[in-house]
């Protein structure tokens, strides 16, 4: 009877995926300014989507658009299917919850996101993230040692495509070590723990090698601190320049600050209000603050100072300057900065109550897996930690637009499901 039910479910899934696939391939490809920066392999773009886009453009030429849509659609559906089946198996869900999870998993394929049709990293980042989580769950809870190989491969591909997930693997590393804490010093457990912990170093080494080969500079992909500097500039004061010792960085700050003040893009330019209102303004104007002002100011400064340097040098130096300036400004204006970040995180969850629920679930799950490890507590911790870590990283680095936060939707739902199952039914083996 069980095999018949599985067969029936798989048939329904196949029909559903086929309908979605046919719908997607008849939609137009979506181009954005980001698309061209990947096709041009700009120094501030991660290598994963650059290689993907340029390879397809070279191979398929005039059929590039349809090739991208077909491949991204298949990848997205594969990622959705693997995670859906893994979650269904581990949680033993009923049909209604399965349907709800499937709907949320498929949501990003349609408007307003349309990730499979958008020629941007989300088309690969989304399925890679789903696969990364699925293989980690298989490794942790289905005793599938082979899945660890896929975890590492998916992690590297994911981070090379979307850098925001650089530290996601540490969540699973912590759960694995707590699950096997009594055997942690055994070679088999210790080696796997270290592999999970040091995956980010492998990714950083890969990125630096790529930029050394392509751009002639041994560097990580710039733009991380360029983005982080946006909020730091937004809350800054003119007198903060006194605390920036490096003369080049001080000059960049002063030029950027004056330009932001002229454009009325500083918190001090706004009427006194709540941080919720300040964040809304910041959220709506971050392209003007970052891309069109602070980034351009620093990049032009270094290009004019060293016109003979490699093209990527100005991007590299801009990232270094942004790091120094950001850390100085955040330290000087920490109270304003942390309040803006909290408003940013809250905006990403659409409700302060949902954010509070996720925080409670995270803390409760963490305490439980430390004191009395169980699969249900571990899953509650994993789902809440994935959502919160991504939300916090986004809030620190940029603004909580749907393009960055949609990865969380399924795991927010799964956190709610796990909290309900634990509360309603207690711990189940």
Protein backbone atom coordinates (compact mmCIF):
# COMPACT_ATOMS: atom_id res chain seq x y z
CA UNK A 1 0.00 0.00 0.00
CA UNK A 2 2.81 2.36 0.93
CA UNK A 3 4.63 1.79 -2.36
CA UNK A 4 1.42 2.56 -4.27
CA UNK A 5 1.03 5.85 -2.39
CA UNK A 6 4.62 6.83 -3.14
CA UNK A 7 4.14 5.93 -6.79
CA UNK A 8 0.99 8.03 -6.92
CA UNK A 9 2.72 10.99 -5.26
CA UNK A 10 5.67 10.77 -7.64
CA UNK A 11 3.29 10.77 -10.61
CA UNK A 12 1.57 13.89 -9.30
CA UNK A 13 4.92 15.57 -8.75
CA UNK A 14 6.06 14.67 -12.27
CA UNK A 15 2.91 16.20 -13.74
CA UNK A 16 3.30 19.30 -11.59
CA UNK A 17 6.94 19.79 -12.52
CA UNK A 18 6.16 19.25 -16.21
CA UNK A 19 3.43 21.90 -16.19
CA UNK A 20 5.70 24.37 -14.38
CA UNK A 21 8.58 23.65 -16.76
CA UNK A 22 6.42 24.19 -19.84
CA UNK A 23 5.10 27.42 -18.36
CA UNK A 24 8.59 28.72 -17.60
CA UNK A 25 10.16 28.02 -20.98
CA UNK A 26 7.43 30.00 -22.71
CA UNK A 27 8.20 33.08 -20.61
CA UNK A 28 10.75 35.63 -21.78
CA UNK A 29 14.23 35.86 -20.32
CA UNK A 30 14.64 38.72 -17.86
CA UNK A 31 17.62 41.02 -18.27
CA UNK A 32 18.73 43.49 -15.60
CA UNK A 33 21.82 45.68 -15.15
CA UNK A 34 23.35 42.83 -13.11
CA UNK A 35 23.03 40.48 -16.10
CA UNK A 36 25.53 42.41 -18.18
CA UNK A 37 28.04 42.67 -15.35
CA UNK A 38 28.16 38.85 -15.26
CA UNK A 39 28.44 38.55 -19.04
CA UNK A 40 31.30 41.06 -18.89
CA UNK A 41 32.89 39.16 -15.96
CA UNK A 42 33.30 42.31 -13.89
CA UNK A 43 35.78 41.94 -11.00
CA UNK A 44 33.07 42.39 -8.35
CA UNK A 45 31.05 39.39 -9.55
CA UNK A 46 31.43 35.88 -8.11
CA UNK A 47 32.94 33.32 -10.45
CA UNK A 48 30.08 30.79 -10.44
CA UNK A 49 27.52 32.69 -12.46
CA UNK A 50 30.18 34.39 -14.57
CA UNK A 51 31.44 31.01 -15.78
CA UNK A 52 27.89 29.70 -16.23
CA UNK A 53 26.65 32.69 -18.22
CA UNK A 54 29.71 33.11 -20.40
CA UNK A 55 29.88 29.37 -21.19
CA UNK A 56 26.24 29.28 -22.30
CA UNK A 57 26.67 32.48 -24.31
CA UNK A 58 29.69 30.98 -26.09
CA UNK A 59 28.05 27.60 -26.73
CA UNK A 60 24.51 28.64 -27.64
CA UNK A 61 25.00 32.10 -29.14
CA UNK A 62 21.65 33.36 -30.44
CA UNK A 63 19.86 30.70 -28.38
CA UNK A 64 21.45 31.89 -25.15
CA UNK A 65 18.16 33.08 -23.61
CA UNK A 66 16.28 29.81 -24.04
CA UNK A 67 19.32 27.79 -22.94
CA UNK A 68 19.52 29.75 -19.68
CA UNK A 69 15.79 29.39 -19.02
CA UNK A 70 15.77 25.64 -19.72
CA UNK A 71 18.84 24.89 -17.59
CA UNK A 72 17.83 27.14 -14.70
CA UNK A 73 14.27 25.77 -14.75
CA UNK A 74 15.52 22.17 -14.63
CA UNK A 75 17.99 23.01 -11.87
CA UNK A 76 15.32 24.77 -9.80
CA UNK A 77 12.85 21.89 -10.18
CA UNK A 78 15.56 19.37 -9.30
CA UNK A 79 16.51 21.32 -6.17
CA UNK A 80 12.87 21.67 -5.15
CA UNK A 81 12.25 17.95 -5.65
CA UNK A 82 15.28 16.75 -3.69
CA UNK A 83 14.57 18.99 -0.71
CA UNK A 84 10.83 18.25 -0.82
CA UNK A 85 11.40 14.48 -0.78
CA UNK A 86 14.07 14.74 1.92
CA UNK A 87 11.90 16.89 4.19
CA UNK A 88 8.85 14.70 3.58
CA UNK A 89 10.80 11.59 4.53
CA UNK A 90 12.46 13.02 7.65
CA UNK A 91 9.37 14.75 9.03
CA UNK A 92 6.76 12.19 7.91
CA UNK A 93 4.38 14.97 6.84
CA UNK A 94 0.72 14.68 5.93
CA UNK A 95 -0.56 15.60 2.47
CA UNK A 96 -1.72 19.10 3.42
CA UNK A 97 1.65 20.12 4.84
CA UNK A 98 3.44 18.56 1.87
CA UNK A 99 1.30 20.62 -0.51
CA UNK A 100 1.94 23.80 1.48
CA UNK A 101 5.70 23.23 1.47
CA UNK A 102 5.69 22.47 -2.25
CA UNK A 103 3.79 25.70 -2.98
CA UNK A 104 6.28 27.76 -0.97
CA UNK A 105 9.22 26.01 -2.64
CA UNK A 106 7.81 26.74 -6.10
CA UNK A 107 6.80 30.35 -5.34
CA UNK A 108 10.16 31.88 -6.42
CA UNK A 109 9.72 30.45 -9.93
CA UNK A 110 6.82 32.82 -10.56
CA UNK A 111 6.35 36.57 -10.43
CA UNK A 112 7.56 38.77 -8.88
CA UNK A 113 10.81 36.79 -8.54
CA UNK A 114 10.81 34.54 -11.63
CA UNK A 115 14.23 33.20 -10.66
CA UNK A 116 14.37 30.61 -13.44
CA UNK A 117 13.80 33.24 -16.14
CA UNK A 118 16.01 35.90 -14.61
CA UNK A 119 19.53 35.90 -16.02
CA UNK A 120 21.02 36.47 -12.59
CA UNK A 121 22.65 34.26 -9.90
CA UNK A 122 19.34 33.42 -8.20
CA UNK A 123 18.56 31.03 -11.06
CA UNK A 124 21.41 28.81 -9.87
CA UNK A 125 21.75 30.01 -6.29
CA UNK A 126 18.24 28.92 -5.32
CA UNK A 127 18.51 25.26 -6.43
CA UNK A 128 22.06 24.99 -5.11
CA UNK A 129 20.91 26.25 -1.70
CA UNK A 130 18.05 23.74 -1.62
CA UNK A 131 20.39 20.91 -2.59
CA UNK A 132 22.97 22.02 -0.05
CA UNK A 133 20.39 21.90 2.75
CA UNK A 134 18.90 18.61 1.51
CA UNK A 135 22.25 16.81 1.38
CA UNK A 136 23.15 18.13 4.83
CA UNK A 137 19.88 16.74 6.20
CA UNK A 138 20.56 13.39 4.53
CA UNK A 139 24.05 13.36 6.03
CA UNK A 140 22.85 14.27 9.52
CA UNK A 141 19.60 12.34 9.86
CA UNK A 142 19.64 9.53 7.31
CA UNK A 143 23.19 8.31 8.05
CA UNK A 144 24.14 8.89 4.43
CA UNK A 145 27.92 9.33 4.50
CA UNK A 146 28.10 9.70 0.71
CA UNK A 147 25.95 12.82 1.04
CA UNK A 148 28.92 14.64 2.63
CA UNK A 149 30.69 14.69 -0.73
CA UNK A 150 27.65 16.37 -2.28
CA UNK A 151 27.49 18.78 0.67
CA UNK A 152 31.00 20.03 -0.06
CA UNK A 153 30.44 20.26 -3.83
CA UNK A 154 27.10 22.05 -3.43
CA UNK A 155 28.58 24.42 -0.87
CA UNK A 156 31.44 25.46 -3.14
CA UNK A 157 29.13 25.90 -6.13
CA UNK A 158 26.66 27.83 -3.97
CA UNK A 159 29.21 30.23 -2.47
CA UNK A 160 30.85 30.76 -5.84
CA UNK A 161 27.39 31.83 -7.02
CA UNK A 162 25.92 33.62 -3.97
CA UNK A 163 28.44 34.71 -1.36
CA UNK A 164 25.75 35.40 1.24
CA UNK A 165 25.79 31.70 2.21
CA UNK A 166 29.48 31.58 3.11
CA UNK A 167 28.81 30.67 6.74
CA UNK A 168 25.67 28.51 6.38
CA UNK A 169 27.72 25.33 6.61
CA UNK A 170 28.75 26.17 10.17
CA UNK A 171 25.16 25.59 11.30
CA UNK A 172 25.30 21.99 10.13
CA UNK A 173 28.83 21.59 11.48
CA UNK A 174 27.61 22.59 14.95
CA UNK A 175 24.67 20.17 14.81
CA UNK A 176 26.92 17.33 13.64
CA UNK A 177 29.43 17.91 16.44
CA UNK A 178 26.71 18.12 19.09
CA UNK A 179 25.09 14.97 17.77
CA UNK A 180 28.41 13.12 18.09
CA UNK A 181 29.88 15.06 21.02
CA UNK A 182 30.80 11.86 22.88
CA UNK A 183 32.71 10.61 19.83
CA UNK A 184 34.10 13.96 18.72
CA UNK A 185 37.74 12.96 19.07
CA UNK A 186 37.30 9.79 17.04
CA UNK A 187 39.14 10.19 13.70
CA UNK A 188 36.02 9.51 11.62
CA UNK A 189 33.90 12.13 13.41
CA UNK A 190 36.72 14.64 13.86
CA UNK A 191 37.70 14.59 10.18
CA UNK A 192 34.11 15.20 9.05
CA UNK A 193 33.68 17.97 11.59
CA UNK A 194 36.81 19.73 10.42
CA UNK A 195 35.75 19.40 6.78
CA UNK A 196 32.40 21.06 7.55
CA UNK A 197 34.09 23.82 9.55
CA UNK A 198 36.77 24.64 7.00
CA UNK A 199 34.59 24.61 3.87
CA UNK A 200 34.57 28.45 3.81
CA UNK A 201 38.38 28.44 3.59
CA UNK A 202 38.18 26.21 0.50
CA UNK A 203 35.72 28.65 -1.04
CA UNK A 204 37.90 31.67 -0.25
CA UNK A 205 40.96 29.93 -1.74
CA UNK A 206 38.98 29.16 -4.89
CA UNK A 207 37.78 32.75 -5.22
CA UNK A 208 41.25 34.19 -4.72
CA UNK A 209 42.73 31.82 -7.29
CA UNK A 210 40.04 32.79 -9.80
CA UNK A 211 40.72 36.51 -9.39
CA UNK A 212 44.47 35.96 -9.58
CA UNK A 213 44.07 34.13 -12.90
CA UNK A 214 41.47 36.52 -14.36
CA UNK A 215 42.31 39.90 -12.84
CA UNK A 216 45.94 39.50 -11.86
CA UNK A 217 45.23 40.22 -8.18
CA UNK A 218 45.06 37.67 -5.38
CA UNK A 219 41.81 38.82 -3.77
CA UNK A 220 38.36 37.69 -2.71
CA UNK A 221 35.42 38.98 -4.72
CA UNK A 222 35.06 42.67 -3.84
CA UNK A 223 31.78 44.43 -2.95
CA UNK A 224 31.12 42.85 0.46
CA UNK A 225 32.37 45.84 2.45
CA UNK A 226 31.27 48.21 -0.30
CA UNK A 227 27.73 47.09 0.52
CA UNK A 228 28.30 47.15 4.28
CA UNK A 229 29.58 50.72 4.03
CA UNK A 230 26.17 51.91 2.78
CA UNK A 231 24.56 51.85 6.23
CA UNK A 232 27.79 53.11 7.82
CA UNK A 233 27.79 56.17 5.55
CA UNK A 234 24.05 56.70 6.00
CA UNK A 235 24.36 57.13 9.79
CA UNK A 236 27.69 59.00 9.74
CA UNK A 237 28.55 62.55 10.76
CA UNK A 238 30.97 64.96 9.14
CA UNK A 239 33.27 64.93 12.19
CA UNK A 240 33.83 61.17 11.81
CA UNK A 241 36.54 62.03 9.27
CA UNK A 242 38.83 62.96 12.18
CA UNK A 243 38.96 59.30 13.22
CA UNK A 244 40.03 57.95 9.80
CA UNK A 245 43.83 57.96 9.85
CA UNK A 246 44.60 56.84 6.29
CA UNK A 247 44.68 60.02 4.13
CA UNK A 248 43.26 58.29 1.05
CA UNK A 249 40.40 56.75 3.00
CA UNK A 250 39.75 60.06 4.76
CA UNK A 251 39.55 61.87 1.42
CA UNK A 252 37.15 59.23 0.05
CA UNK A 253 34.93 59.53 3.12
CA UNK A 254 34.81 63.33 2.90
CA UNK A 255 34.01 63.30 -0.82
CA UNK A 256 31.33 60.64 -0.38
CA UNK A 257 29.83 62.36 2.66
CA UNK A 258 29.60 65.72 0.88
CA UNK A 259 27.95 64.11 -2.14
CA UNK A 260 25.46 62.19 0.04
CA UNK A 261 24.65 65.38 1.93
CA UNK A 262 24.11 67.26 -1.34
CA UNK A 263 21.73 64.50 -2.49
CA UNK A 264 20.04 64.44 0.96
CA UNK A 265 20.82 60.74 1.39
CA UNK A 266 22.04 60.86 4.99
CA UNK A 267 20.06 60.09 8.14
CA UNK A 268 20.98 63.57 9.38
CA UNK A 269 19.29 65.03 6.28
CA UNK A 270 15.93 63.55 7.30
CA UNK A 271 13.37 64.87 9.79
CA UNK A 272 13.66 63.29 13.23
CA UNK A 273 11.75 60.04 13.19
CA UNK A 274 11.77 56.37 14.24
CA UNK A 275 14.39 53.92 13.04
CA UNK A 276 11.62 52.08 11.22
CA UNK A 277 11.11 55.20 9.10
CA UNK A 278 14.83 55.78 8.74
CA UNK A 279 15.21 52.22 7.48
CA UNK A 280 12.39 52.60 4.96
CA UNK A 281 14.22 55.59 3.46
CA UNK A 282 17.52 53.69 3.47
CA UNK A 283 15.81 50.63 1.93
CA UNK A 284 14.39 52.69 -0.95
CA UNK A 285 17.58 54.64 -1.64
CA UNK A 286 20.44 52.17 -1.19
CA UNK A 287 21.27 52.08 -4.95
CA UNK A 288 21.71 55.86 -4.90
CA UNK A 289 23.72 55.69 -1.67
CA UNK A 290 25.99 52.79 -2.62
CA UNK A 291 26.13 52.10 -6.35
CA UNK A 292 25.79 55.69 -7.55
CA UNK A 293 27.70 57.55 -4.83
CA UNK A 294 30.03 55.84 -2.35
CA UNK A 295 31.16 53.06 -4.69
CA UNK A 296 31.67 55.36 -7.67
CA UNK A 297 33.49 57.95 -5.56
CA UNK A 298 36.00 55.44 -4.19
CA UNK A 299 36.47 53.62 -7.50
CA UNK A 300 37.11 56.87 -9.40
CA UNK A 301 39.49 58.07 -6.69
CA UNK A 302 41.73 55.02 -7.02
CA UNK A 303 41.48 54.91 -10.80
CA UNK A 304 42.64 58.52 -11.07
CA UNK A 305 45.40 57.93 -8.56
CA UNK A 306 46.72 54.80 -10.33
CA UNK A 307 45.55 54.93 -13.97
CA UNK A 308 48.31 52.53 -15.02
CA UNK A 309 47.21 49.79 -12.56
CA UNK A 310 45.19 46.73 -13.70
CA UNK A 311 41.49 47.44 -14.22
CA UNK A 312 40.54 45.35 -11.20
CA UNK A 313 42.86 47.30 -8.89
CA UNK A 314 40.38 50.13 -8.37
CA UNK A 315 37.69 47.60 -7.32
CA UNK A 316 40.13 45.87 -4.98
CA UNK A 317 41.28 49.13 -3.39
CA UNK A 318 37.70 50.32 -3.09
CA UNK A 319 36.85 47.19 -1.12
CA UNK A 320 39.84 47.73 1.20
CA UNK A 321 38.91 51.36 1.73
CA UNK A 322 35.26 50.46 2.36
CA UNK A 323 36.31 47.92 4.99
CA UNK A 324 38.44 50.43 6.87
CA UNK A 325 35.85 53.22 6.62
CA UNK A 326 32.91 50.95 7.55
CA UNK A 327 34.55 49.56 10.68
CA UNK A 328 35.53 53.05 11.82
CA UNK A 329 32.07 54.52 11.22
CA UNK A 330 30.24 51.60 12.82
CA UNK A 331 32.44 51.85 15.92
CA UNK A 332 31.81 55.60 16.15
CA UNK A 333 28.05 55.34 15.58
CA UNK A 334 27.31 51.86 16.87
CA UNK A 335 24.01 52.66 18.58
CA UNK A 336 22.53 54.20 15.42
CA UNK A 337 23.97 51.43 13.26
CA UNK A 338 22.63 48.51 15.36
CA UNK A 339 19.17 50.09 15.54
CA UNK A 340 19.13 50.44 11.76
CA UNK A 341 20.26 46.81 11.36
CA UNK A 342 17.52 45.58 13.71
CA UNK A 343 14.92 47.53 11.72
CA UNK A 344 16.42 45.97 8.57
CA UNK A 345 16.12 42.43 9.97
CA UNK A 346 12.55 43.06 11.14
CA UNK A 347 11.61 44.33 7.69
CA UNK A 348 12.94 41.12 6.14
CA UNK A 349 10.54 39.04 8.26
CA UNK A 350 7.60 41.38 7.46
CA UNK A 351 6.58 41.34 11.12
CA UNK A 352 8.33 41.91 14.42
CA UNK A 353 6.24 39.10 15.90
CA UNK A 354 7.51 36.61 13.32
CA UNK A 355 11.06 37.76 14.01
CA UNK A 356 10.54 37.27 17.76
CA UNK A 357 9.09 33.81 17.14
CA UNK A 358 12.09 32.84 15.02
CA UNK A 359 14.49 34.10 17.70
CA UNK A 360 12.68 32.13 20.41
CA UNK A 361 12.70 28.99 18.24
CA UNK A 362 16.42 29.45 17.57
CA UNK A 363 17.36 29.92 21.23
CA UNK A 364 15.11 27.08 22.39
CA UNK A 365 16.45 24.73 19.72
CA UNK A 366 20.05 25.65 20.53
CA UNK A 367 19.62 25.07 24.25
CA UNK A 368 17.93 21.74 23.64
CA UNK A 369 20.54 20.33 21.26
CA UNK A 370 23.27 21.32 23.69
CA UNK A 371 21.57 19.79 26.75
CA UNK A 372 19.55 16.88 25.30
CA UNK A 373 20.15 16.34 21.59
CA UNK A 374 17.20 15.06 19.59
CA UNK A 375 16.39 15.14 15.89
CA UNK A 376 13.30 17.32 16.31
CA UNK A 377 15.17 19.92 18.35
CA UNK A 378 18.03 19.83 15.85
CA UNK A 379 15.66 20.43 12.94
CA UNK A 380 14.01 23.32 14.80
CA UNK A 381 17.44 24.84 15.35
CA UNK A 382 18.59 24.27 11.75
CA UNK A 383 15.51 25.78 10.11
CA UNK A 384 15.43 28.83 12.40
CA UNK A 385 19.22 29.30 12.22
CA UNK A 386 19.22 29.19 8.41
CA UNK A 387 16.52 31.86 8.26
CA UNK A 388 18.01 34.12 10.93
CA UNK A 389 21.62 33.85 9.78
CA UNK A 390 20.71 34.77 6.23
CA UNK A 391 18.48 37.63 7.42
CA UNK A 392 21.18 39.02 9.71
CA UNK A 393 23.89 38.79 7.04
CA UNK A 394 21.63 40.54 4.53
CA UNK A 395 20.76 43.26 7.05
CA UNK A 396 24.42 43.93 7.80
CA UNK A 397 25.49 43.88 4.16
CA UNK A 398 22.60 45.47 2.33
CA UNK A 399 18.81 45.86 2.51
CA UNK A 400 16.11 43.22 2.94
CA UNK A 401 14.63 43.06 -0.54
CA UNK A 402 12.76 39.95 -1.65
CA UNK A 403 15.56 39.04 -4.04
CA UNK A 404 17.77 38.31 -1.01
CA UNK A 405 15.21 37.10 1.54
CA UNK A 406 13.10 34.65 -0.49
CA UNK A 407 15.57 31.86 0.36
CA UNK A 408 14.17 32.02 3.91
CA UNK A 409 10.49 31.45 3.14
CA UNK A 410 10.50 27.65 3.14
CA UNK A 411 12.61 27.47 6.29
CA UNK A 412 10.40 29.92 8.14
CA UNK A 413 7.45 27.66 7.30
CA UNK A 414 9.40 24.57 8.39
CA UNK A 415 10.32 26.28 11.68
CA UNK A 416 6.63 26.91 12.34
CA UNK A 417 5.80 23.28 11.48
CA UNK A 418 8.53 21.94 13.76
CA UNK A 419 7.46 24.21 16.63
CA UNK A 420 3.87 23.01 16.22
CA UNK A 421 4.87 19.33 16.07
CA UNK A 422 7.04 19.60 19.20
CA UNK A 423 4.42 21.59 21.10
CA UNK A 424 1.42 19.53 19.99
CA UNK A 425 2.82 16.01 19.84
CA UNK A 426 6.02 16.10 21.87
CA UNK A 427 9.26 14.42 20.87
CA UNK A 428 8.96 11.62 18.31
CA UNK A 429 11.66 9.23 17.16
